[in-house]
C-alpha atoms as a PDB file:
ATOM      1  CA  MET A   1      27.956 104.048 107.587  1.00  0.00           C
ATOM      2  CA  ASP A   2      29.374 106.103 104.718  1.00  0.00           C
ATOM      3  CA  ALA A   3      33.066 106.921 104.771  1.00  0.00           C
ATOM      4  CA  THR A   4      35.463 108.517 102.347  1.00  0.00           C
ATOM      5  CA  GLU A   5      38.666 107.232 100.857  1.00  0.00           C
ATOM      6  CA  THR A   6      41.310 109.081  98.948  1.00  0.00           C
ATOM      7  CA  SER A   7      42.015 108.039  95.349  1.00  0.00           C
ATOM      8  CA  GLN A   8      45.451 108.878  94.010  1.00  0.00           C
ATOM      9  CA  LEU A   9      44.700 107.493  90.566  1.00  0.00           C
ATOM     10  CA  LEU A  10      41.236 108.725  89.650  1.00  0.00           C
ATOM     11  CA  PRO A  11      42.416 112.372  89.312  1.00  0.00           C
ATOM     12  CA  VAL A  12      45.134 111.170  86.927  1.00  0.00           C
ATOM     13  CA  ILE A  13      42.597 109.253  84.916  1.00  0.00           C
ATOM     14  CA  LEU A  14      40.147 112.190  84.698  1.00  0.00           C
ATOM     15  CA  GLU A  15      42.997 114.524  83.650  1.00  0.00           C
ATOM     16  CA  ARG A  16      44.166 112.045  81.016  1.00  0.00           C
ATOM     17  CA  MET A  17      40.595 111.639  79.642  1.00  0.00           C
ATOM     18  CA  GLY A  18      40.197 115.321  78.870  1.00  0.00           C
ATOM     19  CA  VAL A  19      36.795 115.677  80.498  1.00  0.00           C
ATOM     20  CA  GLU A  20      36.111 118.875  78.552  1.00  0.00           C
ATOM     21  CA  GLN A  21      34.854 116.631  75.739  1.00  0.00           C
ATOM     22  CA  ARG A  22      31.769 114.437  75.825  1.00  0.00           C
ATOM     23  CA  PHE A  23      32.498 111.002  77.322  1.00  0.00           C
ATOM     24  CA  SER A  24      30.728 107.904  78.578  1.00  0.00           C
ATOM     25  CA  VAL A  25      31.189 106.156  81.937  1.00  0.00           C
ATOM     26  CA  PHE A  26      30.532 102.540  82.783  1.00  0.00           C
ATOM     27  CA  ASP A  27      30.070 101.887  86.519  1.00  0.00           C
ATOM     28  CA  ALA A  28      29.991  98.169  87.442  1.00  0.00           C
ATOM     29  CA  GLY A  29      28.206  99.038  90.671  1.00  0.00           C
ATOM     30  CA  ALA A  30      24.816 100.485  91.620  1.00  0.00           C
ATOM     31  CA  ALA A  31      23.849 104.052  90.857  1.00  0.00           C
ATOM     32  CA  THR A  32      24.689 106.379  93.708  1.00  0.00           C
ATOM     33  CA  ALA A  33      23.646 109.963  94.259  1.00  0.00           C
ATOM     34  CA  GLN A  34      27.286 110.984  94.858  1.00  0.00           C
ATOM     35  CA  THR A  35      28.509 109.539  91.508  1.00  0.00           C
ATOM     36  CA  VAL A  36      25.632 111.089  89.602  1.00  0.00           C
ATOM     37  CA  GLU A  37      26.213 114.442  91.325  1.00  0.00           C
ATOM     38  CA  PHE A  38      29.981 114.362  90.591  1.00  0.00           C
ATOM     39  CA  PHE A  39      29.614 113.499  86.891  1.00  0.00           C
ATOM     40  CA  SER A  40      26.730 115.953  86.413  1.00  0.00           C
ATOM     41  CA  GLN A  41      29.340 118.715  86.035  1.00  0.00           C
ATOM     42  CA  PHE A  42      30.586 117.112  82.809  1.00  0.00           C
ATOM     43  CA  LYS A  43      29.055 116.345  79.426  1.00  0.00           C
ATOM     44  CA  CYS A  44      28.879 112.641  79.900  1.00  0.00           C
ATOM     45  CA  ARG A  45      26.570 109.641  79.849  1.00  0.00           C
ATOM     46  CA  LEU A  46      26.538 107.354  82.874  1.00  0.00           C
ATOM     47  CA  HIS A  47      25.839 103.653  82.638  1.00  0.00           C
ATOM     48  CA  PHE A  48      25.336 101.708  85.902  1.00  0.00           C
ATOM     49  CA  ALA A  49      25.280  97.935  85.591  1.00  0.00           C
ATOM     50  CA  ASP A  50      24.866  96.922  89.271  1.00  0.00           C
ATOM     51  CA  LEU A  51      26.640  93.675  88.538  1.00  0.00           C
ATOM     52  CA  TYR A  52      27.252  92.966  92.208  1.00  0.00           C
ATOM     53  CA  ASP A  53      23.591  92.237  92.800  1.00  0.00           C
ATOM     54  CA  ASP A  54      23.091  90.152  89.675  1.00  0.00           C
ATOM     55  CA  ALA A  55      22.351  86.466  90.288  1.00  0.00           C
ATOM     56  CA  LEU A  56      25.219  85.591  87.972  1.00  0.00           C
ATOM     57  CA  ILE A  57      27.721  86.554  90.654  1.00  0.00           C
ATOM     58  CA  ASN A  58      26.259  83.913  92.962  1.00  0.00           C
ATOM     59  CA  GLU A  59      25.690  81.347  90.237  1.00  0.00           C
ATOM     60  CA  GLN A  60      29.072  81.520  88.445  1.00  0.00           C
ATOM     61  CA  GLU A  61      30.389  78.196  89.758  1.00  0.00           C
ATOM     62  CA  GLY A  62      29.616  75.367  87.368  1.00  0.00           C
ATOM     63  CA  ILE A  63      28.744  77.586  84.427  1.00  0.00           C
ATOM     64  CA  SER A  64      30.997  77.286  81.372  1.00  0.00           C
ATOM     65  CA  GLU A  65      33.081  80.245  80.325  1.00  0.00           C
ATOM     66  CA  GLU A  66      31.140  80.506  77.028  1.00  0.00           C
ATOM     67  CA  GLU A  67      27.827  80.692  78.917  1.00  0.00           C
ATOM     68  CA  LEU A  68      29.279  83.205  81.387  1.00  0.00           C
ATOM     69  CA  SER A  69      30.506  85.309  78.429  1.00  0.00           C
ATOM     70  CA  ALA A  70      27.067  85.205  76.834  1.00  0.00           C
ATOM     71  CA  ARG A  71      25.371  86.215  80.085  1.00  0.00           C
ATOM     72  CA  PHE A  72      27.801  89.049  80.714  1.00  0.00           C
ATOM     73  CA  SER A  73      27.244  90.242  77.133  1.00  0.00           C
ATOM     74  CA  GLU A  74      23.542  90.233  77.800  1.00  0.00           C
ATOM     75  CA  LEU A  75      24.006  92.231  80.983  1.00  0.00           C
ATOM     76  CA  LEU A  76      26.048  94.827  79.099  1.00  0.00           C
ATOM     77  CA  SER A  77      23.768  94.909  76.050  1.00  0.00           C
ATOM     78  CA  PHE A  78      22.395  98.303  77.129  1.00  0.00           C
ATOM     79  CA  ALA A  79      25.551 100.012  75.831  1.00  0.00           C
ATOM     80  CA  ALA A  80      25.043 101.646  72.434  1.00  0.00           C
ATOM     81  CA  GLU A  81      28.632 102.901  72.138  1.00  0.00           C
ATOM     82  CA  PRO A  82      32.081 102.171  73.645  1.00  0.00           C
ATOM     83  CA  PHE A  83      32.897 103.449  77.155  1.00  0.00           C
ATOM     84  CA  ASP A  84      35.587 106.027  77.735  1.00  0.00           C
ATOM     85  CA  LEU A  85      35.889 105.303  81.491  1.00  0.00           C
ATOM     86  CA  CYS A  86      35.193 101.996  83.204  1.00  0.00           C
ATOM     87  CA  LEU A  87      34.799 102.047  86.982  1.00  0.00           C
ATOM     88  CA  LEU A  88      35.335  98.412  87.794  1.00  0.00           C
ATOM     89  CA  TRP A  89      35.703  98.995  91.542  1.00  0.00           C
ATOM     90  CA  ASP A  90      36.485  95.635  93.187  1.00  0.00           C
ATOM     91  CA  LEU A  91      34.186  93.569  90.930  1.00  0.00           C
ATOM     92  CA  PRO A  92      37.035  91.405  89.533  1.00  0.00           C
ATOM     93  CA  ASN A  93      37.573  90.040  93.063  1.00  0.00           C
ATOM     94  CA  TYR A  94      34.026  88.686  93.055  1.00  0.00           C
ATOM     95  CA  LEU A  95      34.589  86.707  89.842  1.00  0.00           C
ATOM     96  CA  ASN A  96      36.361  83.346  89.601  1.00  0.00           C
ATOM     97  CA  PRO A  97      39.021  83.121  86.869  1.00  0.00           C
ATOM     98  CA  ALA A  98      36.598  81.822  84.203  1.00  0.00           C
ATOM     99  CA  ALA A  99      34.004  84.447  85.075  1.00  0.00           C
ATOM    100  CA  LEU A 100      36.612  87.239  85.022  1.00  0.00           C
ATOM    101  CA  ARG A 101      37.794  86.158  81.553  1.00  0.00           C
ATOM    102  CA  ALA A 102      34.131  85.961  80.393  1.00  0.00           C
ATOM    103  CA  PHE A 103      33.502  89.476  81.776  1.00  0.00           C
ATOM    104  CA  GLY A 104      36.557  90.629  79.824  1.00  0.00           C
ATOM    105  CA  LYS A 105      35.226  89.086  76.624  1.00  0.00           C
ATOM    106  CA  ALA A 106      31.928  90.910  77.104  1.00  0.00           C
ATOM    107  CA  LEU A 107      33.554  94.196  78.044  1.00  0.00           C
ATOM    108  CA  ARG A 108      36.183  94.219  75.231  1.00  0.00           C
ATOM    109  CA  PRO A 109      33.812  95.204  72.403  1.00  0.00           C
ATOM    110  CA  LEU A 110      32.642  98.114  74.562  1.00  0.00           C
ATOM    111  CA  THR A 111      36.094  99.704  74.746  1.00  0.00           C
ATOM    112  CA  HIS A 112      38.233 101.618  72.309  1.00  0.00           C
ATOM    113  CA  ARG A 113      41.904 102.532  72.182  1.00  0.00           C
ATOM    114  CA  ARG A 114      41.434 105.505  74.552  1.00  0.00           C
ATOM    115  CA  THR A 115      39.313 103.745  77.155  1.00  0.00           C
ATOM    116  CA  LEU A 116      40.646 104.034  80.694  1.00  0.00           C
ATOM    117  CA  ALA A 117      39.635 101.967  83.687  1.00  0.00           C
ATOM    118  CA  HIS A 118      39.825 102.190  87.476  1.00  0.00           C
ATOM    119  CA  GLY A 119      39.579  99.434  90.016  1.00  0.00           C
ATOM    120  CA  PHE A 120      40.946  97.630  93.063  1.00  0.00           C
ATOM    121  CA  CYS A 121      42.815  94.375  93.082  1.00  0.00           C
ATOM    122  CA  ALA A 122      44.766  92.363  95.613  1.00  0.00           C
ATOM    123  CA  PHE A 123      48.471  92.666  96.361  1.00  0.00           C
ATOM    124  CA  LYS A 124      48.532  88.897  96.972  1.00  0.00           C
ATOM    125  CA  GLU A 125      46.000  86.167  96.306  1.00  0.00           C
ATOM    126  CA  THR A 126      45.287  85.683 100.027  1.00  0.00           C
ATOM    127  CA  GLN A 127      44.162  89.309 100.399  1.00  0.00           C
ATOM    128  CA  PRO A 128      40.898  89.582 102.324  1.00  0.00           C
ATOM    129  CA  PHE A 129      38.379  92.105 100.876  1.00  0.00           C
ATOM    130  CA  THR A 130      35.572  93.715 102.847  1.00  0.00           C
ATOM    131  CA  PRO A 131      32.355  94.012 100.795  1.00  0.00           C
ATOM    132  CA  ARG A 132      32.122  97.701  99.785  1.00  0.00           C
ATOM    133  CA  GLN A 133      29.992  99.862  97.575  1.00  0.00           C
ATOM    134  CA  TYR A 134      31.896 102.701  95.985  1.00  0.00           C
ATOM    135  CA  SER A 135      30.898 106.114  94.650  1.00  0.00           C
ATOM    136  CA  VAL A 136      32.801 109.121  93.270  1.00  0.00           C
ATOM    137  CA  ARG A 137      32.495 112.163  95.503  1.00  0.00           C
ATOM    138  CA  GLY A 138      35.221 114.267  93.981  1.00  0.00           C
ATOM    139  CA  PRO A 139      38.194 113.985  91.651  1.00  0.00           C
ATOM    140  CA  GLY A 140      40.283 112.391  94.407  1.00  0.00           C
ATOM    141  CA  THR A 141      37.585 111.321  96.860  1.00  0.00           C
ATOM    142  CA  LEU A 142      35.586 108.097  96.846  1.00  0.00           C
ATOM    143  CA  GLY A 143      32.564 107.333  98.964  1.00  0.00           C
ATOM    144  CA  VAL A 144      32.736 103.890 100.561  1.00  0.00           C
ATOM    145  CA  LYS A 145      29.788 102.176 102.150  1.00  0.00           C
ATOM    146  CA  ALA A 146      29.700  98.649 103.595  1.00  0.00           C
ATOM    147  CA  ARG A 147      27.596  96.129 101.705  1.00  0.00           C
ATOM    148  CA  VAL A 148      25.221  94.271 103.974  1.00  0.00           C
ATOM    149  CA  ALA A 149      24.052  90.675 103.855  1.00  0.00           C
ATOM    150  CA  GLU A 150      26.701  89.711 101.410  1.00  0.00           C
ATOM    151  CA  ALA A 151      29.838  87.605 101.552  1.00  0.00           C
ATOM    152  CA  GLY A 152      33.010  89.391 100.653  1.00  0.00           C
ATOM    153  CA  PRO A 153      34.869  88.884  97.391  1.00  0.00           C
ATOM    154  CA  LYS A 154      35.994  85.241  97.216  1.00  0.00           C
ATOM    155  CA  TYR A 155      38.511  85.493  94.344  1.00  0.00           C
ATOM    156  CA  PRO A 156      41.183  88.108  95.124  1.00  0.00           C
ATOM    157  CA  SER A 157      42.789  89.059  91.804  1.00  0.00           C
ATOM    158  CA  THR A 158      46.324  90.423  91.677  1.00  0.00           C
ATOM    159  CA  GLN A 159      47.438  92.903  89.007  1.00  0.00           C
ATOM    160  CA  HIS A 160      48.877  89.943  87.082  1.00  0.00           C
ATOM    161  CA  ASP A 161      45.545  88.053  87.293  1.00  0.00           C
ATOM    162  CA  LEU A 162      43.626  91.107  86.189  1.00  0.00           C
ATOM    163  CA  VAL A 163      45.784  91.739  83.093  1.00  0.00           C
ATOM    164  CA  ALA A 164      45.839  88.014  82.231  1.00  0.00           C
ATOM    165  CA  ALA A 165      42.010  87.790  82.357  1.00  0.00           C
ATOM    166  CA  LEU A 166      41.315  91.195  80.816  1.00  0.00           C
ATOM    167  CA  SER A 167      43.984  90.759  78.159  1.00  0.00           C
ATOM    168  CA  PHE A 168      43.061  93.961  76.278  1.00  0.00           C
ATOM    169  CA  LEU A 169      43.981  96.074  79.328  1.00  0.00           C
ATOM    170  CA  THR A 170      47.313  96.783  80.995  1.00  0.00           C
ATOM    171  CA  VAL A 171      48.040  98.428  84.352  1.00  0.00           C
ATOM    172  CA  ALA A 172      49.321 101.920  83.642  1.00  0.00           C
ATOM    173  CA  ARG A 173      49.759 102.624  87.373  1.00  0.00           C
ATOM    174  CA  GLY A 174      49.115 100.861  90.645  1.00  0.00           C
ATOM    175  CA  THR A 175      49.198 102.170  94.178  1.00  0.00           C
ATOM    176  CA  LEU A 176      49.406  99.888  97.178  1.00  0.00           C
ATOM    177  CA  LEU A 177      46.936 100.966  99.867  1.00  0.00           C
ATOM    178  CA  THR A 178      47.509 100.545 103.617  1.00  0.00           C
ATOM    179  CA  ASP A 179      44.951  97.675 103.877  1.00  0.00           C
ATOM    180  CA  GLY A 180      46.720  95.621 101.200  1.00  0.00           C
ATOM    181  CA  ARG A 181      44.456  96.481  98.286  1.00  0.00           C
ATOM    182  CA  VAL A 182      45.982  97.903  95.163  1.00  0.00           C
ATOM    183  CA  GLU A 183      44.291 100.794  93.362  1.00  0.00           C
ATOM    184  CA  VAL A 184      44.841 100.408  89.632  1.00  0.00           C
ATOM    185  CA  TYR A 185      44.612 102.604  86.556  1.00  0.00           C
ATOM    186  CA  LEU A 186      44.254 100.524  83.449  1.00  0.00           C
ATOM    187  CA  GLU A 187      44.358 101.402  79.774  1.00  0.00           C
ATOM    188  CA  VAL A 188      43.657  99.582  76.570  1.00  0.00           C
ATOM    189  CA  ILE A 189      46.733  98.136  74.805  1.00  0.00           C
END
């Protein structure tokens, strides 16, 4: 069942980006009609990676950080230019610490000093996450759909964990949600 969720930070990010100019968007999730429809009003290029369904998420245990980094780089090799906006959603909470650092190493070359990112992390490391698929329905409205036949995120990452693993990003703002997740707006440092 599709539901909606209010985003307090995505409107701030979009305003900060200056969406009047051409920009590129990286979405870590699957392509959704809502996200495509929302961004079709702008001059932008959308890149959907669908990393949630990649076998690497299920195989990350026992793989070295160097190998994980190489595999994430291969998964992101479609990008011809840096991203202006990265929609990370709750992907970091699916990645163990080594995989999260490896993802950061692969993503870093695809950012620039004005890149902004949006995602969800945990308030505390014991935070349970429900498997969700996200989409952008409006500047402050997200579509949320339950993921089926999938275990929830196993590695809740706090803001501190996120910034430590993705060392080129810092949390510009964070908002605690009623279910214990934290919506974060990140920028390159």
